[in-house]
Amino acid sequence: MEDIYRKVNNLLVRLVNEIWELEAKAIITDEFKDLTNNDMHVIEAIGLNEDKNMSAVAKKLSITMGSLTTAVNHLVKKQYVERSRSEEDRRVVFLKLTEKGVAAYRHHEEYHRQMTEAVLARLDESDMPIVMKVLDAVNDFFKGYGKQNIVC
């Protein structure tokens, strides 16, 4: 059992690190060299649909309003995001992607599409229940990690 534990641990650590590194390489093209992985995840959280308020984006990213404000300040300066205030409640700030922000979003979305299709191409339909179970377990861990008292 210890051998399986070690193998799973090594795979998970390598996978997380490789996804982070590859995503950074895929994102940072000549067109988007002024963006970081974190910038791209803020852009992704803002999304393409309706304007999102700052609170909703911070909640989606599981970050503080202060951290989001700092990130958004940089993205506004780089012209990827626009801010606007609610007419009903001036304390509420909405975020919207600019044309440049939409292009960055689409670029990131394409990376995710390629990654997902590459993984799915190697699997049979009969593999899907166990793959989904494993991915759900990994996702549950990451979602709950900050809420637990885990000592590293």
C-alpha atoms as a PDB file:
ATOM      1  CA  MET A   1       0.000   0.000   0.000  1.00  0.00           C
ATOM      2  CA  GLU A   2       2.889   2.370   0.754  1.00  0.00           C
ATOM      3  CA  ASP A   3       4.155   1.876  -2.808  1.00  0.00           C
ATOM      4  CA  ILE A   4       0.752   2.898  -4.206  1.00  0.00           C
ATOM      5  CA  TYR A   5       0.652   5.900  -1.846  1.00  0.00           C
ATOM      6  CA  ARG A   6       4.091   7.017  -3.061  1.00  0.00           C
ATOM      7  CA  LYS A   7       3.132   6.598  -6.724  1.00  0.00           C
ATOM      8  CA  VAL A   8      -0.143   8.515  -6.328  1.00  0.00           C
ATOM      9  CA  ASN A   9       1.605  11.252  -4.346  1.00  0.00           C
ATOM     10  CA  ASN A  10       4.347  11.612  -6.964  1.00  0.00           C
ATOM     11  CA  LEU A  11       1.810  11.721  -9.789  1.00  0.00           C
ATOM     12  CA  LEU A  12      -0.351  14.332  -8.064  1.00  0.00           C
ATOM     13  CA  VAL A  13       2.608  16.574  -7.236  1.00  0.00           C
ATOM     14  CA  ARG A  14       4.023  16.265 -10.739  1.00  0.00           C
ATOM     15  CA  LEU A  15       0.628  16.837 -12.321  1.00  0.00           C
ATOM     16  CA  VAL A  16      -0.094  20.023 -10.366  1.00  0.00           C
ATOM     17  CA  ASN A  17       3.372  21.413 -11.087  1.00  0.00           C
ATOM     18  CA  GLU A  18       3.290  20.505 -14.766  1.00  0.00           C
ATOM     19  CA  ILE A  19      -0.187  21.943 -15.306  1.00  0.00           C
ATOM     20  CA  TRP A  20       0.888  25.219 -13.689  1.00  0.00           C
ATOM     21  CA  GLU A  21       4.120  25.421 -15.742  1.00  0.00           C
ATOM     22  CA  LEU A  22       2.546  24.372 -19.037  1.00  0.00           C
ATOM     23  CA  GLU A  23      -0.357  26.721 -18.577  1.00  0.00           C
ATOM     24  CA  ALA A  24       2.049  29.598 -17.987  1.00  0.00           C
ATOM     25  CA  LYS A  25       3.971  28.696 -21.164  1.00  0.00           C
ATOM     26  CA  ALA A  26       0.773  28.331 -23.189  1.00  0.00           C
ATOM     27  CA  ILE A  27      -0.614  31.637 -21.939  1.00  0.00           C
ATOM     28  CA  ILE A  28       2.482  33.765 -22.246  1.00  0.00           C
ATOM     29  CA  THR A  29       2.667  34.271 -25.985  1.00  0.00           C
ATOM     30  CA  ASP A  30       3.898  37.418 -27.707  1.00  0.00           C
ATOM     31  CA  GLU A  31       0.337  38.746 -27.694  1.00  0.00           C
ATOM     32  CA  PHE A  32      -0.212  38.123 -23.971  1.00  0.00           C
ATOM     33  CA  LYS A  33       3.321  38.441 -22.566  1.00  0.00           C
ATOM     34  CA  ASP A  34       2.118  41.058 -20.076  1.00  0.00           C
ATOM     35  CA  LEU A  35      -0.163  38.516 -18.328  1.00  0.00           C
ATOM     36  CA  THR A  36       0.572  36.051 -15.559  1.00  0.00           C
ATOM     37  CA  ASN A  37      -1.233  32.818 -14.708  1.00  0.00           C
ATOM     38  CA  ASN A  38      -2.994  34.694 -11.904  1.00  0.00           C
ATOM     39  CA  ASP A  39      -4.081  37.452 -14.304  1.00  0.00           C
ATOM     40  CA  MET A  40      -5.517  34.857 -16.655  1.00  0.00           C
ATOM     41  CA  HIS A  41      -7.480  33.199 -13.867  1.00  0.00           C
ATOM     42  CA  VAL A  42      -9.001  36.555 -12.885  1.00  0.00           C
ATOM     43  CA  ILE A  43      -9.946  37.088 -16.542  1.00  0.00           C
ATOM     44  CA  GLU A  44     -11.466  33.602 -16.616  1.00  0.00           C
ATOM     45  CA  ALA A  45     -13.461  34.285 -13.426  1.00  0.00           C
ATOM     46  CA  ILE A  46     -14.843  37.523 -14.868  1.00  0.00           C
ATOM     47  CA  GLY A  47     -15.943  35.605 -17.942  1.00  0.00           C
ATOM     48  CA  LEU A  48     -17.675  36.614 -21.135  1.00  0.00           C
ATOM     49  CA  ASN A  49     -21.301  36.887 -20.135  1.00  0.00           C
ATOM     50  CA  GLU A  50     -22.870  39.559 -17.952  1.00  0.00           C
ATOM     51  CA  ASP A  51     -20.800  42.000 -15.932  1.00  0.00           C
ATOM     52  CA  LYS A  52     -19.744  40.425 -12.648  1.00  0.00           C
ATOM     53  CA  ASN A  53     -19.430  42.310  -9.414  1.00  0.00           C
ATOM     54  CA  MET A  54     -16.176  42.246  -7.480  1.00  0.00           C
ATOM     55  CA  SER A  55     -17.658  40.136  -4.669  1.00  0.00           C
ATOM     56  CA  ALA A  56     -18.771  37.393  -7.048  1.00  0.00           C
ATOM     57  CA  VAL A  57     -15.356  37.248  -8.733  1.00  0.00           C
ATOM     58  CA  ALA A  58     -13.497  37.200  -5.386  1.00  0.00           C
ATOM     59  CA  LYS A  59     -15.762  34.401  -4.163  1.00  0.00           C
ATOM     60  CA  LYS A  60     -15.275  32.392  -7.365  1.00  0.00           C
ATOM     61  CA  LEU A  61     -11.491  32.688  -6.997  1.00  0.00           C
ATOM     62  CA  SER A  62     -11.579  32.159  -3.205  1.00  0.00           C
ATOM     63  CA  ILE A  63      -9.521  35.305  -2.627  1.00  0.00           C
ATOM     64  CA  THR A  64     -10.023  38.435  -0.564  1.00  0.00           C
ATOM     65  CA  MET A  65     -11.477  41.625  -1.998  1.00  0.00           C
ATOM     66  CA  GLY A  66      -8.115  43.277  -1.341  1.00  0.00           C
ATOM     67  CA  SER A  67      -6.256  40.681  -3.421  1.00  0.00           C
ATOM     68  CA  LEU A  68      -8.802  40.985  -6.215  1.00  0.00           C
ATOM     69  CA  THR A  69      -8.599  44.781  -6.143  1.00  0.00           C
ATOM     70  CA  THR A  70      -4.836  44.600  -6.605  1.00  0.00           C
ATOM     71  CA  ALA A  71      -5.177  42.119  -9.474  1.00  0.00           C
ATOM     72  CA  VAL A  72      -7.934  44.136 -11.150  1.00  0.00           C
ATOM     73  CA  ASN A  73      -5.918  47.354 -10.849  1.00  0.00           C
ATOM     74  CA  HIS A  74      -3.173  45.708 -12.917  1.00  0.00           C
ATOM     75  CA  LEU A  75      -5.629  44.331 -15.467  1.00  0.00           C
ATOM     76  CA  VAL A  76      -7.346  47.706 -15.859  1.00  0.00           C
ATOM     77  CA  LYS A  77      -3.956  49.359 -16.356  1.00  0.00           C
ATOM     78  CA  LYS A  78      -3.075  46.714 -18.991  1.00  0.00           C
ATOM     79  CA  GLN A  79      -6.488  47.333 -20.640  1.00  0.00           C
ATOM     80  CA  TYR A  80      -7.896  43.826 -20.201  1.00  0.00           C
ATOM     81  CA  VAL A  81     -10.687  44.787 -17.779  1.00  0.00           C
ATOM     82  CA  GLU A  82     -13.063  47.724 -17.296  1.00  0.00           C
ATOM     83  CA  ARG A  83     -14.720  48.740 -14.036  1.00  0.00           C
ATOM     84  CA  SER A  84     -18.086  50.380 -13.617  1.00  0.00           C
ATOM     85  CA  ARG A  85     -20.213  51.266 -10.596  1.00  0.00           C
ATOM     86  CA  SER A  86     -23.769  50.153 -10.078  1.00  0.00           C
ATOM     87  CA  GLU A  87     -26.356  52.872 -10.615  1.00  0.00           C
ATOM     88  CA  GLU A  88     -28.479  51.457  -7.774  1.00  0.00           C
ATOM     89  CA  ASP A  89     -25.674  51.078  -5.239  1.00  0.00           C
ATOM     90  CA  ARG A  90     -22.480  53.003  -5.935  1.00  0.00           C
ATOM     91  CA  ARG A  91     -20.536  50.732  -3.562  1.00  0.00           C
ATOM     92  CA  VAL A  92     -20.972  47.822  -5.987  1.00  0.00           C
ATOM     93  CA  VAL A  93     -18.261  47.618  -8.649  1.00  0.00           C
ATOM     94  CA  PHE A  94     -18.837  45.598 -11.818  1.00  0.00           C
ATOM     95  CA  LEU A  95     -16.085  44.096 -13.947  1.00  0.00           C
ATOM     96  CA  LYS A  96     -16.190  43.517 -17.675  1.00  0.00           C
ATOM     97  CA  LEU A  97     -13.583  42.247 -20.095  1.00  0.00           C
ATOM     98  CA  THR A  98     -12.418  44.635 -22.790  1.00  0.00           C
ATOM     99  CA  GLU A  99     -11.909  43.420 -26.360  1.00  0.00           C
ATOM    100  CA  LYS A 100      -8.308  42.642 -25.375  1.00  0.00           C
ATOM    101  CA  GLY A 101      -9.601  40.778 -22.300  1.00  0.00           C
ATOM    102  CA  VAL A 102     -11.988  38.716 -24.422  1.00  0.00           C
ATOM    103  CA  ALA A 103      -9.087  37.740 -26.702  1.00  0.00           C
ATOM    104  CA  ALA A 104      -7.058  36.640 -23.661  1.00  0.00           C
ATOM    105  CA  TYR A 105     -10.053  34.693 -22.318  1.00  0.00           C
ATOM    106  CA  ARG A 106     -10.480  32.892 -25.645  1.00  0.00           C
ATOM    107  CA  HIS A 107      -6.748  32.120 -25.758  1.00  0.00           C
ATOM    108  CA  HIS A 108      -6.897  30.553 -22.273  1.00  0.00           C
ATOM    109  CA  GLU A 109     -10.106  28.706 -23.155  1.00  0.00           C
ATOM    110  CA  GLU A 110      -8.369  27.182 -26.190  1.00  0.00           C
ATOM    111  CA  TYR A 111      -5.521  25.878 -24.015  1.00  0.00           C
ATOM    112  CA  HIS A 112      -8.069  24.215 -21.725  1.00  0.00           C
ATOM    113  CA  ARG A 113      -9.910  22.722 -24.720  1.00  0.00           C
ATOM    114  CA  GLN A 114      -6.699  21.220 -26.088  1.00  0.00           C
ATOM    115  CA  MET A 115      -5.722  19.828 -22.686  1.00  0.00           C
ATOM    116  CA  THR A 116      -9.148  18.246 -22.120  1.00  0.00           C
ATOM    117  CA  GLU A 117      -9.364  16.771 -25.606  1.00  0.00           C
ATOM    118  CA  ALA A 118      -5.839  15.313 -25.333  1.00  0.00           C
ATOM    119  CA  VAL A 119      -6.773  13.542 -22.094  1.00  0.00           C
ATOM    120  CA  LEU A 120     -10.151  12.325 -23.348  1.00  0.00           C
ATOM    121  CA  ALA A 121      -8.593  10.980 -26.565  1.00  0.00           C
ATOM    122  CA  ARG A 122      -6.594   8.469 -24.489  1.00  0.00           C
ATOM    123  CA  LEU A 123      -9.604   7.139 -22.593  1.00  0.00           C
ATOM    124  CA  ASP A 124     -12.391   4.721 -23.394  1.00  0.00           C
ATOM    125  CA  GLU A 125     -15.956   5.459 -22.404  1.00  0.00           C
ATOM    126  CA  SER A 126     -15.710   2.631 -19.872  1.00  0.00           C
ATOM    127  CA  ASP A 127     -12.887   4.567 -18.137  1.00  0.00           C
ATOM    128  CA  MET A 128     -15.038   7.627 -17.522  1.00  0.00           C
ATOM    129  CA  PRO A 129     -16.759   6.639 -14.230  1.00  0.00           C
ATOM    130  CA  ILE A 130     -13.436   5.994 -12.465  1.00  0.00           C
ATOM    131  CA  VAL A 131     -11.786   9.049 -14.068  1.00  0.00           C
ATOM    132  CA  MET A 132     -14.655  11.241 -12.878  1.00  0.00           C
ATOM    133  CA  LYS A 133     -14.471   9.698  -9.405  1.00  0.00           C
ATOM    134  CA  VAL A 134     -10.733  10.420  -9.181  1.00  0.00           C
ATOM    135  CA  LEU A 135     -11.082  13.962 -10.519  1.00  0.00           C
ATOM    136  CA  ASP A 136     -13.967  14.646  -8.116  1.00  0.00           C
ATOM    137  CA  ALA A 137     -11.808  13.440  -5.213  1.00  0.00           C
ATOM    138  CA  VAL A 138      -8.910  15.690  -6.253  1.00  0.00           C
ATOM    139  CA  ASN A 139     -11.289  18.609  -6.762  1.00  0.00           C
ATOM    140  CA  ASP A 140     -12.932  18.058  -3.376  1.00  0.00           C
ATOM    141  CA  PHE A 141      -9.518  18.058  -1.722  1.00  0.00           C
ATOM    142  CA  PHE A 142      -8.502  21.363  -3.312  1.00  0.00           C
ATOM    143  CA  LYS A 143     -11.874  22.983  -2.590  1.00  0.00           C
ATOM    144  CA  GLY A 144     -11.752  21.919   1.028  1.00  0.00           C
ATOM    145  CA  TYR A 145      -8.037  22.426   1.635  1.00  0.00           C
ATOM    146  CA  GLY A 146      -8.243  26.011   2.805  1.00  0.00           C
ATOM    147  CA  LYS A 147     -11.193  25.228   5.060  1.00  0.00           C
ATOM    148  CA  GLN A 148      -9.388  22.463   6.933  1.00  0.00           C
ATOM    149  CA  ASN A 149      -6.764  22.718   9.602  1.00  0.00           C
ATOM    150  CA  ILE A 150      -4.112  20.884   7.613  1.00  0.00           C
ATOM    151  CA  VAL A 151      -0.564  21.256   8.840  1.00  0.00           C
ATOM    152  CA  CYS A 152       2.171  20.937   6.246  1.00  0.00           C
END
